[in-house]
Amino acid sequence: MAKWIAKHEAPAPLEGPIVATVTGGTILWFAMFVVQLPFYGWFADRDLLWWVWCCAAGGFLGLIGLWYVRGRDAALKRHAAEQAERGEQAGEGARGARGGEGAAG
């Protein structure tokens, strides 16, 4: 069997408001949990308690996801700042060498 070869390049990953998206999803999971609590007996009578606990688990897993994406976002910003600082230092070194020659001449 022949090896599969891609016919086009993979698209760049989408970068969007990830922290806001995860925060919104976490709030929705917790809201669904709270909305279902008054009907706990109804869910228990029909053997559907997993609905309630699924929403609770979604909310708590969302908190873990929120912690993760905030750390990822902070690391990306730190990396961008370090790259910009390195670019400035390289630019200053080149300007300093040219400026020194112009001042002497």
PDB file of N, CA and C in Angstrom:
ATOM      1  N   MET A   1       0.844  -1.176   0.000  1.00  0.00           N
ATOM      2  CA  MET A   1       0.000   0.000   0.000  1.00  0.00           C
ATOM      3  C   MET A   1       0.892   1.242   0.000  1.00  0.00           C
ATOM      4  N   ALA A   2       0.547   2.203  -0.817  1.00  0.00           N
ATOM      5  CA  ALA A   2       1.345   3.420  -0.956  1.00  0.00           C
ATOM      6  C   ALA A   2       1.145   4.331   0.251  1.00  0.00           C
ATOM      7  N   LYS A   3       2.207   5.051   0.569  1.00  0.00           N
ATOM      8  CA  LYS A   3       2.151   5.989   1.684  1.00  0.00           C
ATOM      9  C   LYS A   3       1.332   7.220   1.288  1.00  0.00           C
ATOM     10  N   TRP A   4       0.518   7.696   2.208  1.00  0.00           N
ATOM     11  CA  TRP A   4      -0.311   8.865   1.945  1.00  0.00           C
ATOM     12  C   TRP A   4       0.541  10.117   2.028  1.00  0.00           C
ATOM     13  N   ILE A   5       0.391  10.993   1.062  1.00  0.00           N
ATOM     14  CA  ILE A   5       1.138  12.252   1.034  1.00  0.00           C
ATOM     15  C   ILE A   5       0.125  13.386   0.920  1.00  0.00           C
ATOM     16  N   ALA A   6       0.296  14.389   1.768  1.00  0.00           N
ATOM     17  CA  ALA A   6      -0.612  15.541   1.758  1.00  0.00           C
ATOM     18  C   ALA A   6      -0.469  16.306   0.446  1.00  0.00           C
ATOM     19  N   LYS A   7      -1.596  16.783  -0.059  1.00  0.00           N
ATOM     20  CA  LYS A   7      -1.582  17.522  -1.319  1.00  0.00           C
ATOM     21  C   LYS A   7      -1.468  19.030  -1.111  1.00  0.00           C
ATOM     22  N   HIS A   8      -1.642  19.463   0.125  1.00  0.00           N
ATOM     23  CA  HIS A   8      -1.522  20.887   0.433  1.00  0.00           C
ATOM     24  C   HIS A   8      -1.017  21.027   1.861  1.00  0.00           C
ATOM     25  N   GLU A   9      -0.542  22.222   2.168  1.00  0.00           N
ATOM     26  CA  GLU A   9      -0.014  22.473   3.504  1.00  0.00           C
ATOM     27  C   GLU A   9      -1.140  22.535   4.517  1.00  0.00           C
ATOM     28  N   ALA A  10      -0.828  22.173   5.741  1.00  0.00           N
ATOM     29  CA  ALA A  10      -1.803  22.273   6.818  1.00  0.00           C
ATOM     30  C   ALA A  10      -2.021  23.752   7.153  1.00  0.00           C
ATOM     31  N   PRO A  11      -3.234  24.136   7.470  1.00  0.00           N
ATOM     32  CA  PRO A  11      -3.473  25.541   7.819  1.00  0.00           C
ATOM     33  C   PRO A  11      -2.823  25.889   9.153  1.00  0.00           C
ATOM     34  N   ALA A  12      -2.552  27.159   9.322  1.00  0.00           N
ATOM     35  CA  ALA A  12      -1.982  27.629  10.583  1.00  0.00           C
ATOM     36  C   ALA A  12      -3.020  27.458  11.690  1.00  0.00           C
ATOM     37  N   PRO A  13      -2.564  27.165  12.923  1.00  0.00           N
ATOM     38  CA  PRO A  13      -3.528  27.010  14.007  1.00  0.00           C
ATOM     39  C   PRO A  13      -4.257  28.327  14.294  1.00  0.00           C
ATOM     40  N   LEU A  14      -5.502  28.220  14.667  1.00  0.00           N
ATOM     41  CA  LEU A  14      -6.281  29.413  14.974  1.00  0.00           C
ATOM     42  C   LEU A  14      -5.921  29.921  16.361  1.00  0.00           C
ATOM     43  N   GLU A  15      -5.665  31.184  16.458  1.00  0.00           N
ATOM     44  CA  GLU A  15      -5.422  31.818  17.753  1.00  0.00           C
ATOM     45  C   GLU A  15      -6.540  32.813  17.978  1.00  0.00           C
ATOM     46  N   GLY A  16      -7.235  32.657  19.043  1.00  0.00           N
ATOM     47  CA  GLY A  16      -8.339  33.545  19.347  1.00  0.00           C
ATOM     48  C   GLY A  16      -8.384  33.819  20.833  1.00  0.00           C
ATOM     49  N   PRO A  17      -9.501  34.295  21.298  1.00  0.00           N
ATOM     50  CA  PRO A  17      -9.646  34.584  22.732  1.00  0.00           C
ATOM     51  C   PRO A  17      -9.862  33.281  23.516  1.00  0.00           C
ATOM     52  N   ILE A  18      -8.802  32.505  23.671  1.00  0.00           N
ATOM     53  CA  ILE A  18      -8.902  31.180  24.272  1.00  0.00           C
ATOM     54  C   ILE A  18      -9.332  31.268  25.733  1.00  0.00           C
ATOM     55  N   VAL A  19      -8.744  32.183  26.485  1.00  0.00           N
ATOM     56  CA  VAL A  19      -9.081  32.303  27.908  1.00  0.00           C
ATOM     57  C   VAL A  19     -10.558  32.670  28.062  1.00  0.00           C
ATOM     58  N   ALA A  20     -11.046  33.582  27.254  1.00  0.00           N
ATOM     59  CA  ALA A  20     -12.456  33.972  27.330  1.00  0.00           C
ATOM     60  C   ALA A  20     -13.366  32.816  26.937  1.00  0.00           C
ATOM     61  N   THR A  21     -12.970  32.041  25.961  1.00  0.00           N
ATOM     62  CA  THR A  21     -13.774  30.900  25.524  1.00  0.00           C
ATOM     63  C   THR A  21     -13.883  29.855  26.623  1.00  0.00           C
ATOM     64  N   VAL A  22     -12.758  29.519  27.245  1.00  0.00           N
ATOM     65  CA  VAL A  22     -12.767  28.518  28.317  1.00  0.00           C
ATOM     66  C   VAL A  22     -13.525  29.051  29.534  1.00  0.00           C
ATOM     67  N   THR A  23     -13.376  30.332  29.830  1.00  0.00           N
ATOM     68  CA  THR A  23     -14.113  30.927  30.946  1.00  0.00           C
ATOM     69  C   THR A  23     -15.614  30.850  30.695  1.00  0.00           C
ATOM     70  N   GLY A  24     -16.036  31.201  29.499  1.00  0.00           N
ATOM     71  CA  GLY A  24     -17.457  31.130  29.155  1.00  0.00           C
ATOM     72  C   GLY A  24     -18.003  29.716  29.253  1.00  0.00           C
ATOM     73  N   GLY A  25     -17.257  28.747  28.749  1.00  0.00           N
ATOM     74  CA  GLY A  25     -17.685  27.362  28.829  1.00  0.00           C
ATOM     75  C   GLY A  25     -17.787  26.869  30.265  1.00  0.00           C
ATOM     76  N   THR A  26     -16.832  27.253  31.092  1.00  0.00           N
ATOM     77  CA  THR A  26     -16.847  26.855  32.496  1.00  0.00           C
ATOM     78  C   THR A  26     -18.052  27.452  33.212  1.00  0.00           C
ATOM     79  N   ILE A  27     -18.336  28.707  32.939  1.00  0.00           N
ATOM     80  CA  ILE A  27     -19.510  29.352  33.548  1.00  0.00           C
ATOM     81  C   ILE A  27     -20.787  28.641  33.119  1.00  0.00           C
ATOM     82  N   LEU A  28     -20.870  28.272  31.840  1.00  0.00           N
ATOM     83  CA  LEU A  28     -22.066  27.559  31.363  1.00  0.00           C
ATOM     84  C   LEU A  28     -22.237  26.208  32.056  1.00  0.00           C
ATOM     85  N   TRP A  29     -21.146  25.456  32.217  1.00  0.00           N
ATOM     86  CA  TRP A  29     -21.248  24.160  32.903  1.00  0.00           C
ATOM     87  C   TRP A  29     -21.742  24.343  34.332  1.00  0.00           C
ATOM     88  N   PHE A  30     -21.160  25.311  35.064  1.00  0.00           N
ATOM     89  CA  PHE A  30     -21.599  25.545  36.441  1.00  0.00           C
ATOM     90  C   PHE A  30     -23.044  26.044  36.492  1.00  0.00           C
ATOM     91  N   ALA A  31     -23.434  26.882  35.530  1.00  0.00           N
ATOM     92  CA  ALA A  31     -24.812  27.375  35.492  1.00  0.00           C
ATOM     93  C   ALA A  31     -25.787  26.219  35.258  1.00  0.00           C
ATOM     94  N   MET A  32     -25.445  25.306  34.351  1.00  0.00           N
ATOM     95  CA  MET A  32     -26.327  24.151  34.123  1.00  0.00           C
ATOM     96  C   MET A  32     -26.414  23.272  35.368  1.00  0.00           C
ATOM     97  N   PHE A  33     -25.307  23.145  36.092  1.00  0.00           N
ATOM     98  CA  PHE A  33     -25.317  22.373  37.337  1.00  0.00           C
ATOM     99  C   PHE A  33     -26.267  23.004  38.347  1.00  0.00           C
ATOM    100  N   VAL A  34     -26.152  24.320  38.525  1.00  0.00           N
ATOM    101  CA  VAL A  34     -26.992  25.023  39.501  1.00  0.00           C
ATOM    102  C   VAL A  34     -28.465  24.969  39.095  1.00  0.00           C
ATOM    103  N   VAL A  35     -28.747  25.086  37.812  1.00  0.00           N
ATOM    104  CA  VAL A  35     -30.130  25.040  37.332  1.00  0.00           C
ATOM    105  C   VAL A  35     -30.740  23.658  37.575  1.00  0.00           C
ATOM    106  N   GLN A  36     -29.947  22.614  37.492  1.00  0.00           N
ATOM    107  CA  GLN A  36     -30.462  21.256  37.670  1.00  0.00           C
ATOM    108  C   GLN A  36     -30.613  20.851  39.132  1.00  0.00           C
ATOM    109  N   LEU A  37     -29.946  21.537  40.037  1.00  0.00           N
ATOM    110  CA  LEU A  37     -30.012  21.145  41.453  1.00  0.00           C
ATOM    111  C   LEU A  37     -31.433  21.103  42.022  1.00  0.00           C
ATOM    112  N   PRO A  38     -32.321  22.057  41.728  1.00  0.00           N
ATOM    113  CA  PRO A  38     -33.675  21.966  42.274  1.00  0.00           C
ATOM    114  C   PRO A  38     -34.443  20.726  41.785  1.00  0.00           C
ATOM    115  N   PHE A  39     -34.010  20.151  40.688  1.00  0.00           N
ATOM    116  CA  PHE A  39     -34.678  18.981  40.113  1.00  0.00           C
ATOM    117  C   PHE A  39     -33.923  17.686  40.431  1.00  0.00           C
ATOM    118  N   TYR A  40     -33.105  17.732  41.462  1.00  0.00           N
ATOM    119  CA  TYR A  40     -32.286  16.571  41.829  1.00  0.00           C
ATOM    120  C   TYR A  40     -33.150  15.322  42.034  1.00  0.00           C
ATOM    121  N   GLY A  41     -34.259  15.474  42.740  1.00  0.00           N
ATOM    122  CA  GLY A  41     -35.159  14.339  42.985  1.00  0.00           C
ATOM    123  C   GLY A  41     -35.732  13.779  41.693  1.00  0.00           C
ATOM    124  N   TRP A  42     -36.116  14.648  40.795  1.00  0.00           N
ATOM    125  CA  TRP A  42     -36.655  14.212  39.515  1.00  0.00           C
ATOM    126  C   TRP A  42     -35.636  13.384  38.755  1.00  0.00           C
ATOM    127  N   PHE A  43     -34.381  13.875  38.721  1.00  0.00           N
ATOM    128  CA  PHE A  43     -33.319  13.128  38.050  1.00  0.00           C
ATOM    129  C   PHE A  43     -33.056  11.798  38.748  1.00  0.00           C
ATOM    130  N   ALA A  44     -33.093  11.790  40.090  1.00  0.00           N
ATOM    131  CA  ALA A  44     -32.851  10.566  40.851  1.00  0.00           C
ATOM    132  C   ALA A  44     -33.951   9.532  40.585  1.00  0.00           C
ATOM    133  N   ASP A  45     -35.201   9.960  40.525  1.00  0.00           N
ATOM    134  CA  ASP A  45     -36.316   9.039  40.271  1.00  0.00           C
ATOM    135  C   ASP A  45     -36.190   8.360  38.905  1.00  0.00           C
ATOM    136  N   ARG A  46     -35.609   9.013  37.959  1.00  0.00           N
ATOM    137  CA  ARG A  46     -35.514   8.482  36.593  1.00  0.00           C
ATOM    138  C   ARG A  46     -34.135   7.910  36.267  1.00  0.00           C
ATOM    139  N   ASP A  47     -33.307   7.771  37.291  1.00  0.00           N
ATOM    140  CA  ASP A  47     -31.954   7.236  37.106  1.00  0.00           C
ATOM    141  C   ASP A  47     -31.126   8.094  36.140  1.00  0.00           C
ATOM    142  N   LEU A  48     -31.277   9.407  36.232  1.00  0.00           N
ATOM    143  CA  LEU A  48     -30.562  10.326  35.347  1.00  0.00           C
ATOM    144  C   LEU A  48     -29.653  11.292  36.118  1.00  0.00           C
ATOM    145  N   LEU A  49     -29.196  10.864  37.298  1.00  0.00           N
ATOM    146  CA  LEU A  49     -28.341  11.745  38.090  1.00  0.00           C
ATOM    147  C   LEU A  49     -27.029  12.074  37.386  1.00  0.00           C
ATOM    148  N   TRP A  50     -26.636  11.268  36.440  1.00  0.00           N
ATOM    149  CA  TRP A  50     -25.387  11.545  35.748  1.00  0.00           C
ATOM    150  C   TRP A  50     -25.444  12.882  35.017  1.00  0.00           C
ATOM    151  N   TRP A  51     -26.630  13.359  34.659  1.00  0.00           N
ATOM    152  CA  TRP A  51     -26.755  14.668  34.032  1.00  0.00           C
ATOM    153  C   TRP A  51     -26.248  15.763  34.970  1.00  0.00           C
ATOM    154  N   VAL A  52     -26.676  15.682  36.208  1.00  0.00           N
ATOM    155  CA  VAL A  52     -26.283  16.693  37.204  1.00  0.00           C
ATOM    156  C   VAL A  52     -24.775  16.648  37.425  1.00  0.00           C
ATOM    157  N   TRP A  53     -24.272  15.437  37.648  1.00  0.00           N
ATOM    158  CA  TRP A  53     -22.852  15.303  37.970  1.00  0.00           C
ATOM    159  C   TRP A  53     -21.970  15.526  36.754  1.00  0.00           C
ATOM    160  N   CYS A  54     -22.485  15.307  35.580  1.00  0.00           N
ATOM    161  CA  CYS A  54     -21.733  15.616  34.358  1.00  0.00           C
ATOM    162  C   CYS A  54     -21.486  17.129  34.274  1.00  0.00           C
ATOM    163  N   CYS A  55     -22.502  17.905  34.607  1.00  0.00           N
ATOM    164  CA  CYS A  55     -22.349  19.369  34.592  1.00  0.00           C
ATOM    165  C   CYS A  55     -21.360  19.825  35.656  1.00  0.00           C
ATOM    166  N   ALA A  56     -21.409  19.200  36.836  1.00  0.00           N
ATOM    167  CA  ALA A  56     -20.450  19.555  37.893  1.00  0.00           C
ATOM    168  C   ALA A  56     -19.033  19.215  37.451  1.00  0.00           C
ATOM    169  N   ALA A  57     -18.860  18.029  36.864  1.00  0.00           N
ATOM    170  CA  ALA A  57     -17.532  17.628  36.387  1.00  0.00           C
ATOM    171  C   ALA A  57     -17.049  18.562  35.281  1.00  0.00           C
ATOM    172  N   GLY A  58     -17.953  18.960  34.387  1.00  0.00           N
ATOM    173  CA  GLY A  58     -17.580  19.891  33.331  1.00  0.00           C
ATOM    174  C   GLY A  58     -17.099  21.217  33.892  1.00  0.00           C
ATOM    175  N   GLY A  59     -17.766  21.694  34.937  1.00  0.00           N
ATOM    176  CA  GLY A  59     -17.347  22.945  35.567  1.00  0.00           C
ATOM    177  C   GLY A  59     -15.978  22.835  36.213  1.00  0.00           C
ATOM    178  N   PHE A  60     -15.737  21.736  36.938  1.00  0.00           N
ATOM    179  CA  PHE A  60     -14.445  21.577  37.602  1.00  0.00           C
ATOM    180  C   PHE A  60     -13.323  21.315  36.595  1.00  0.00           C
ATOM    181  N   LEU A  61     -13.602  20.557  35.551  1.00  0.00           N
ATOM    182  CA  LEU A  61     -12.595  20.373  34.508  1.00  0.00           C
ATOM    183  C   LEU A  61     -12.339  21.685  33.766  1.00  0.00           C
ATOM    184  N   GLY A  62     -13.372  22.521  33.658  1.00  0.00           N
ATOM    185  CA  GLY A  62     -13.195  23.844  33.069  1.00  0.00           C
ATOM    186  C   GLY A  62     -12.261  24.711  33.894  1.00  0.00           C
ATOM    187  N   LEU A  63     -12.317  24.563  35.221  1.00  0.00           N
ATOM    188  CA  LEU A  63     -11.390  25.313  36.078  1.00  0.00           C
ATOM    189  C   LEU A  63      -9.952  24.876  35.829  1.00  0.00           C
ATOM    190  N   ILE A  64      -9.749  23.571  35.647  1.00  0.00           N
ATOM    191  CA  ILE A  64      -8.409  23.086  35.323  1.00  0.00           C
ATOM    192  C   ILE A  64      -7.983  23.626  33.955  1.00  0.00           C
ATOM    193  N   GLY A  65      -8.904  23.597  33.002  1.00  0.00           N
ATOM    194  CA  GLY A  65      -8.604  24.134  31.674  1.00  0.00           C
ATOM    195  C   GLY A  65      -8.296  25.620  31.720  1.00  0.00           C
ATOM    196  N   LEU A  66      -9.017  26.347  32.556  1.00  0.00           N
ATOM    197  CA  LEU A  66      -8.778  27.783  32.705  1.00  0.00           C
ATOM    198  C   LEU A  66      -7.382  28.045  33.265  1.00  0.00           C
ATOM    199  N   TRP A  67      -6.994  27.274  34.260  1.00  0.00           N
ATOM    200  CA  TRP A  67      -5.647  27.392  34.829  1.00  0.00           C
ATOM    201  C   TRP A  67      -4.605  27.120  33.735  1.00  0.00           C
ATOM    202  N   TYR A  68      -4.844  26.098  32.921  1.00  0.00           N
ATOM    203  CA  TYR A  68      -3.900  25.728  31.868  1.00  0.00           C
ATOM    204  C   TYR A  68      -3.785  26.815  30.793  1.00  0.00           C
ATOM    205  N   VAL A  69      -4.913  27.293  30.270  1.00  0.00           N
ATOM    206  CA  VAL A  69      -4.839  28.262  29.171  1.00  0.00           C
ATOM    207  C   VAL A  69      -4.322  29.611  29.640  1.00  0.00           C
ATOM    208  N   ARG A  70      -4.569  29.973  30.902  1.00  0.00           N
ATOM    209  CA  ARG A  70      -3.992  31.227  31.407  1.00  0.00           C
ATOM    210  C   ARG A  70      -2.468  31.124  31.484  1.00  0.00           C
ATOM    211  N   GLY A  71      -1.974  29.949  31.925  1.00  0.00           N
ATOM    212  CA  GLY A  71      -0.528  29.737  31.963  1.00  0.00           C
ATOM    213  C   GLY A  71       0.073  29.738  30.566  1.00  0.00           C
ATOM    214  N   ARG A  72      -0.632  29.115  29.621  1.00  0.00           N
ATOM    215  CA  ARG A  72      -0.159  29.074  28.239  1.00  0.00           C
ATOM    216  C   ARG A  72      -0.119  30.478  27.645  1.00  0.00           C
ATOM    217  N   ASP A  73      -1.157  31.253  27.887  1.00  0.00           N
ATOM    218  CA  ASP A  73      -1.226  32.617  27.379  1.00  0.00           C
ATOM    219  C   ASP A  73      -0.095  33.469  27.957  1.00  0.00           C
ATOM    220  N   ALA A  74       0.165  33.307  29.255  1.00  0.00           N
ATOM    221  CA  ALA A  74       1.250  34.064  29.896  1.00  0.00           C
ATOM    222  C   ALA A  74       2.599  33.652  29.317  1.00  0.00           C
ATOM    223  N   ALA A  75       2.796  32.357  29.055  1.00  0.00           N
ATOM    224  CA  ALA A  75       4.059  31.890  28.485  1.00  0.00           C
ATOM    225  C   ALA A  75       4.245  32.429  27.067  1.00  0.00           C
ATOM    226  N   LEU A  76       3.172  32.460  26.281  1.00  0.00           N
ATOM    227  CA  LEU A  76       3.276  33.013  24.929  1.00  0.00           C
ATOM    228  C   LEU A  76       3.624  34.495  24.960  1.00  0.00           C
ATOM    229  N   LYS A  77       3.032  35.236  25.888  1.00  0.00           N
ATOM    230  CA  LYS A  77       3.337  36.673  26.001  1.00  0.00           C
ATOM    231  C   LYS A  77       4.773  36.896  26.460  1.00  0.00           C
ATOM    232  N   ARG A  78       5.250  36.062  27.416  1.00  0.00           N
ATOM    233  CA  ARG A  78       6.649  36.163  27.867  1.00  0.00           C
ATOM    234  C   ARG A  78       7.598  35.893  26.708  1.00  0.00           C
ATOM    235  N   HIS A  79       7.296  34.875  25.934  1.00  0.00           N
ATOM    236  CA  HIS A  79       8.158  34.522  24.800  1.00  0.00           C
ATOM    237  C   HIS A  79       8.191  35.660  23.772  1.00  0.00           C
ATOM    238  N   ALA A  80       7.040  36.242  23.475  1.00  0.00           N
ATOM    239  CA  ALA A  80       6.985  37.352  22.524  1.00  0.00           C
ATOM    240  C   ALA A  80       7.783  38.551  23.037  1.00  0.00           C
ATOM    241  N   ALA A  81       7.684  38.822  24.351  1.00  0.00           N
ATOM    242  CA  ALA A  81       8.428  39.942  24.927  1.00  0.00           C
ATOM    243  C   ALA A  81       9.931  39.680  24.859  1.00  0.00           C
ATOM    244  N   GLU A  82      10.353  38.444  25.130  1.00  0.00           N
ATOM    245  CA  GLU A  82      11.774  38.109  25.042  1.00  0.00           C
ATOM    246  C   GLU A  82      12.279  38.240  23.610  1.00  0.00           C
ATOM    247  N   GLN A  83      11.485  37.802  22.650  1.00  0.00           N
ATOM    248  CA  GLN A  83      11.875  37.910  21.241  1.00  0.00           C
ATOM    249  C   GLN A  83      11.995  39.381  20.844  1.00  0.00           C
ATOM    250  N   ALA A  84      11.061  40.212  21.283  1.00  0.00           N
ATOM    251  CA  ALA A  84      11.112  41.641  20.964  1.00  0.00           C
ATOM    252  C   ALA A  84      12.336  42.295  21.600  1.00  0.00           C
ATOM    253  N   GLU A  85      12.649  41.896  22.836  1.00  0.00           N
ATOM    254  CA  GLU A  85      13.813  42.457  23.528  1.00  0.00           C
ATOM    255  C   GLU A  85      15.104  42.062  22.812  1.00  0.00           C
ATOM    256  N   ARG A  86      15.183  40.824  22.364  1.00  0.00           N
ATOM    257  CA  ARG A  86      16.367  40.375  21.624  1.00  0.00           C
ATOM    258  C   ARG A  86      16.494  41.138  20.308  1.00  0.00           C
ATOM    259  N   GLY A  87      15.365  41.402  19.662  1.00  0.00           N
ATOM    260  CA  GLY A  87      15.385  42.159  18.411  1.00  0.00           C
ATOM    261  C   GLY A  87      15.848  43.584  18.636  1.00  0.00           C
ATOM    262  N   GLU A  88      15.427  44.198  19.744  1.00  0.00           N
ATOM    263  CA  GLU A  88      15.857  45.565  20.066  1.00  0.00           C
ATOM    264  C   GLU A  88      17.348  45.603  20.354  1.00  0.00           C
ATOM    265  N   GLN A  89      17.819  44.603  21.115  1.00  0.00           N
ATOM    266  CA  GLN A  89      19.248  44.577  21.443  1.00  0.00           C
ATOM    267  C   GLN A  89      20.091  44.394  20.194  1.00  0.00           C
ATOM    268  N   ALA A  90      19.650  43.560  19.288  1.00  0.00           N
ATOM    269  CA  ALA A  90      20.389  43.357  18.037  1.00  0.00           C
ATOM    270  C   ALA A  90      20.370  44.638  17.206  1.00  0.00           C
ATOM    271  N   GLY A  91      19.244  45.329  17.192  1.00  0.00           N
ATOM    272  CA  GLY A  91      19.130  46.584  16.447  1.00  0.00           C
ATOM    273  C   GLY A  91      19.991  47.681  17.043  1.00  0.00           C
ATOM    274  N   GLU A  92      20.072  47.761  18.372  1.00  0.00           N
ATOM    275  CA  GLU A  92      20.892  48.777  19.030  1.00  0.00           C
ATOM    276  C   GLU A  92      22.366  48.523  18.773  1.00  0.00           C
ATOM    277  N   GLY A  93      22.758  47.258  18.768  1.00  0.00           N
ATOM    278  CA  GLY A  93      24.159  46.933  18.501  1.00  0.00           C
ATOM    279  C   GLY A  93      24.556  47.361  17.101  1.00  0.00           C
ATOM    280  N   ALA A  94      23.696  47.146  16.133  1.00  0.00           N
ATOM    281  CA  ALA A  94      23.989  47.533  14.753  1.00  0.00           C
ATOM    282  C   ALA A  94      23.993  49.052  14.618  1.00  0.00           C
ATOM    283  N   ARG A  95      23.037  49.712  15.279  1.00  0.00           N
ATOM    284  CA  ARG A  95      22.996  51.189  15.214  1.00  0.00           C
ATOM    285  C   ARG A  95      24.203  51.807  15.919  1.00  0.00           C
ATOM    286  N   GLY A  96      24.579  51.223  17.036  1.00  0.00           N
ATOM    287  CA  GLY A  96      25.729  51.742  17.796  1.00  0.00           C
ATOM    288  C   GLY A  96      27.005  51.679  16.999  1.00  0.00           C
ATOM    289  N   ALA A  97      27.186  50.571  16.254  1.00  0.00           N
ATOM    290  CA  ALA A  97      28.399  50.418  15.438  1.00  0.00           C
ATOM    291  C   ALA A  97      28.411  51.446  14.307  1.00  0.00           C
ATOM    292  N   ARG A  98      27.268  51.668  13.681  1.00  0.00           N
ATOM    293  CA  ARG A  98      27.182  52.663  12.600  1.00  0.00           C
ATOM    294  C   ARG A  98      27.314  54.079  13.158  1.00  0.00           C
ATOM    295  N   GLY A  99      26.682  54.329  14.301  1.00  0.00           N
ATOM    296  CA  GLY A  99      26.727  55.662  14.896  1.00  0.00           C
ATOM    297  C   GLY A  99      28.140  56.041  15.318  1.00  0.00           C
ATOM    298  N   GLY A 100      28.886  55.064  15.817  1.00  0.00           N
ATOM    299  CA  GLY A 100      30.263  55.318  16.248  1.00  0.00           C
ATOM    300  C   GLY A 100      31.147  55.682  15.075  1.00  0.00           C
ATOM    301  N   GLU A 101      30.934  55.028  13.943  1.00  0.00           N
ATOM    302  CA  GLU A 101      31.755  55.318  12.755  1.00  0.00           C
ATOM    303  C   GLU A 101      31.423  56.711  12.222  1.00  0.00           C
ATOM    304  N   GLY A 102      30.136  57.066  12.241  1.00  0.00           N
ATOM    305  CA  GLY A 102      29.727  58.379  11.727  1.00  0.00           C
ATOM    306  C   GLY A 102      30.245  59.510  12.598  1.00  0.00           C
ATOM    307  N   ALA A 103      30.297  59.305  13.917  1.00  0.00           N
ATOM    308  CA  ALA A 103      30.768  60.347  14.817  1.00  0.00           C
ATOM    309  C   ALA A 103      32.255  60.587  14.667  1.00  0.00           C
ATOM    310  N   ALA A 104      33.015  59.524  14.375  1.00  0.00           N
ATOM    311  CA  ALA A 104      34.464  59.664  14.242  1.00  0.00           C
ATOM    312  C   ALA A 104      34.820  60.288  12.894  1.00  0.00           C
ATOM    313  N   GLY A 105      33.961  60.123  11.881  1.00  0.00           N
ATOM    314  CA  GLY A 105      34.300  60.555  10.527  1.00  0.00           C
ATOM    315  C   GLY A 105      33.882  61.919  10.244  1.00  0.00           C
TER     316      GLY A 105
END
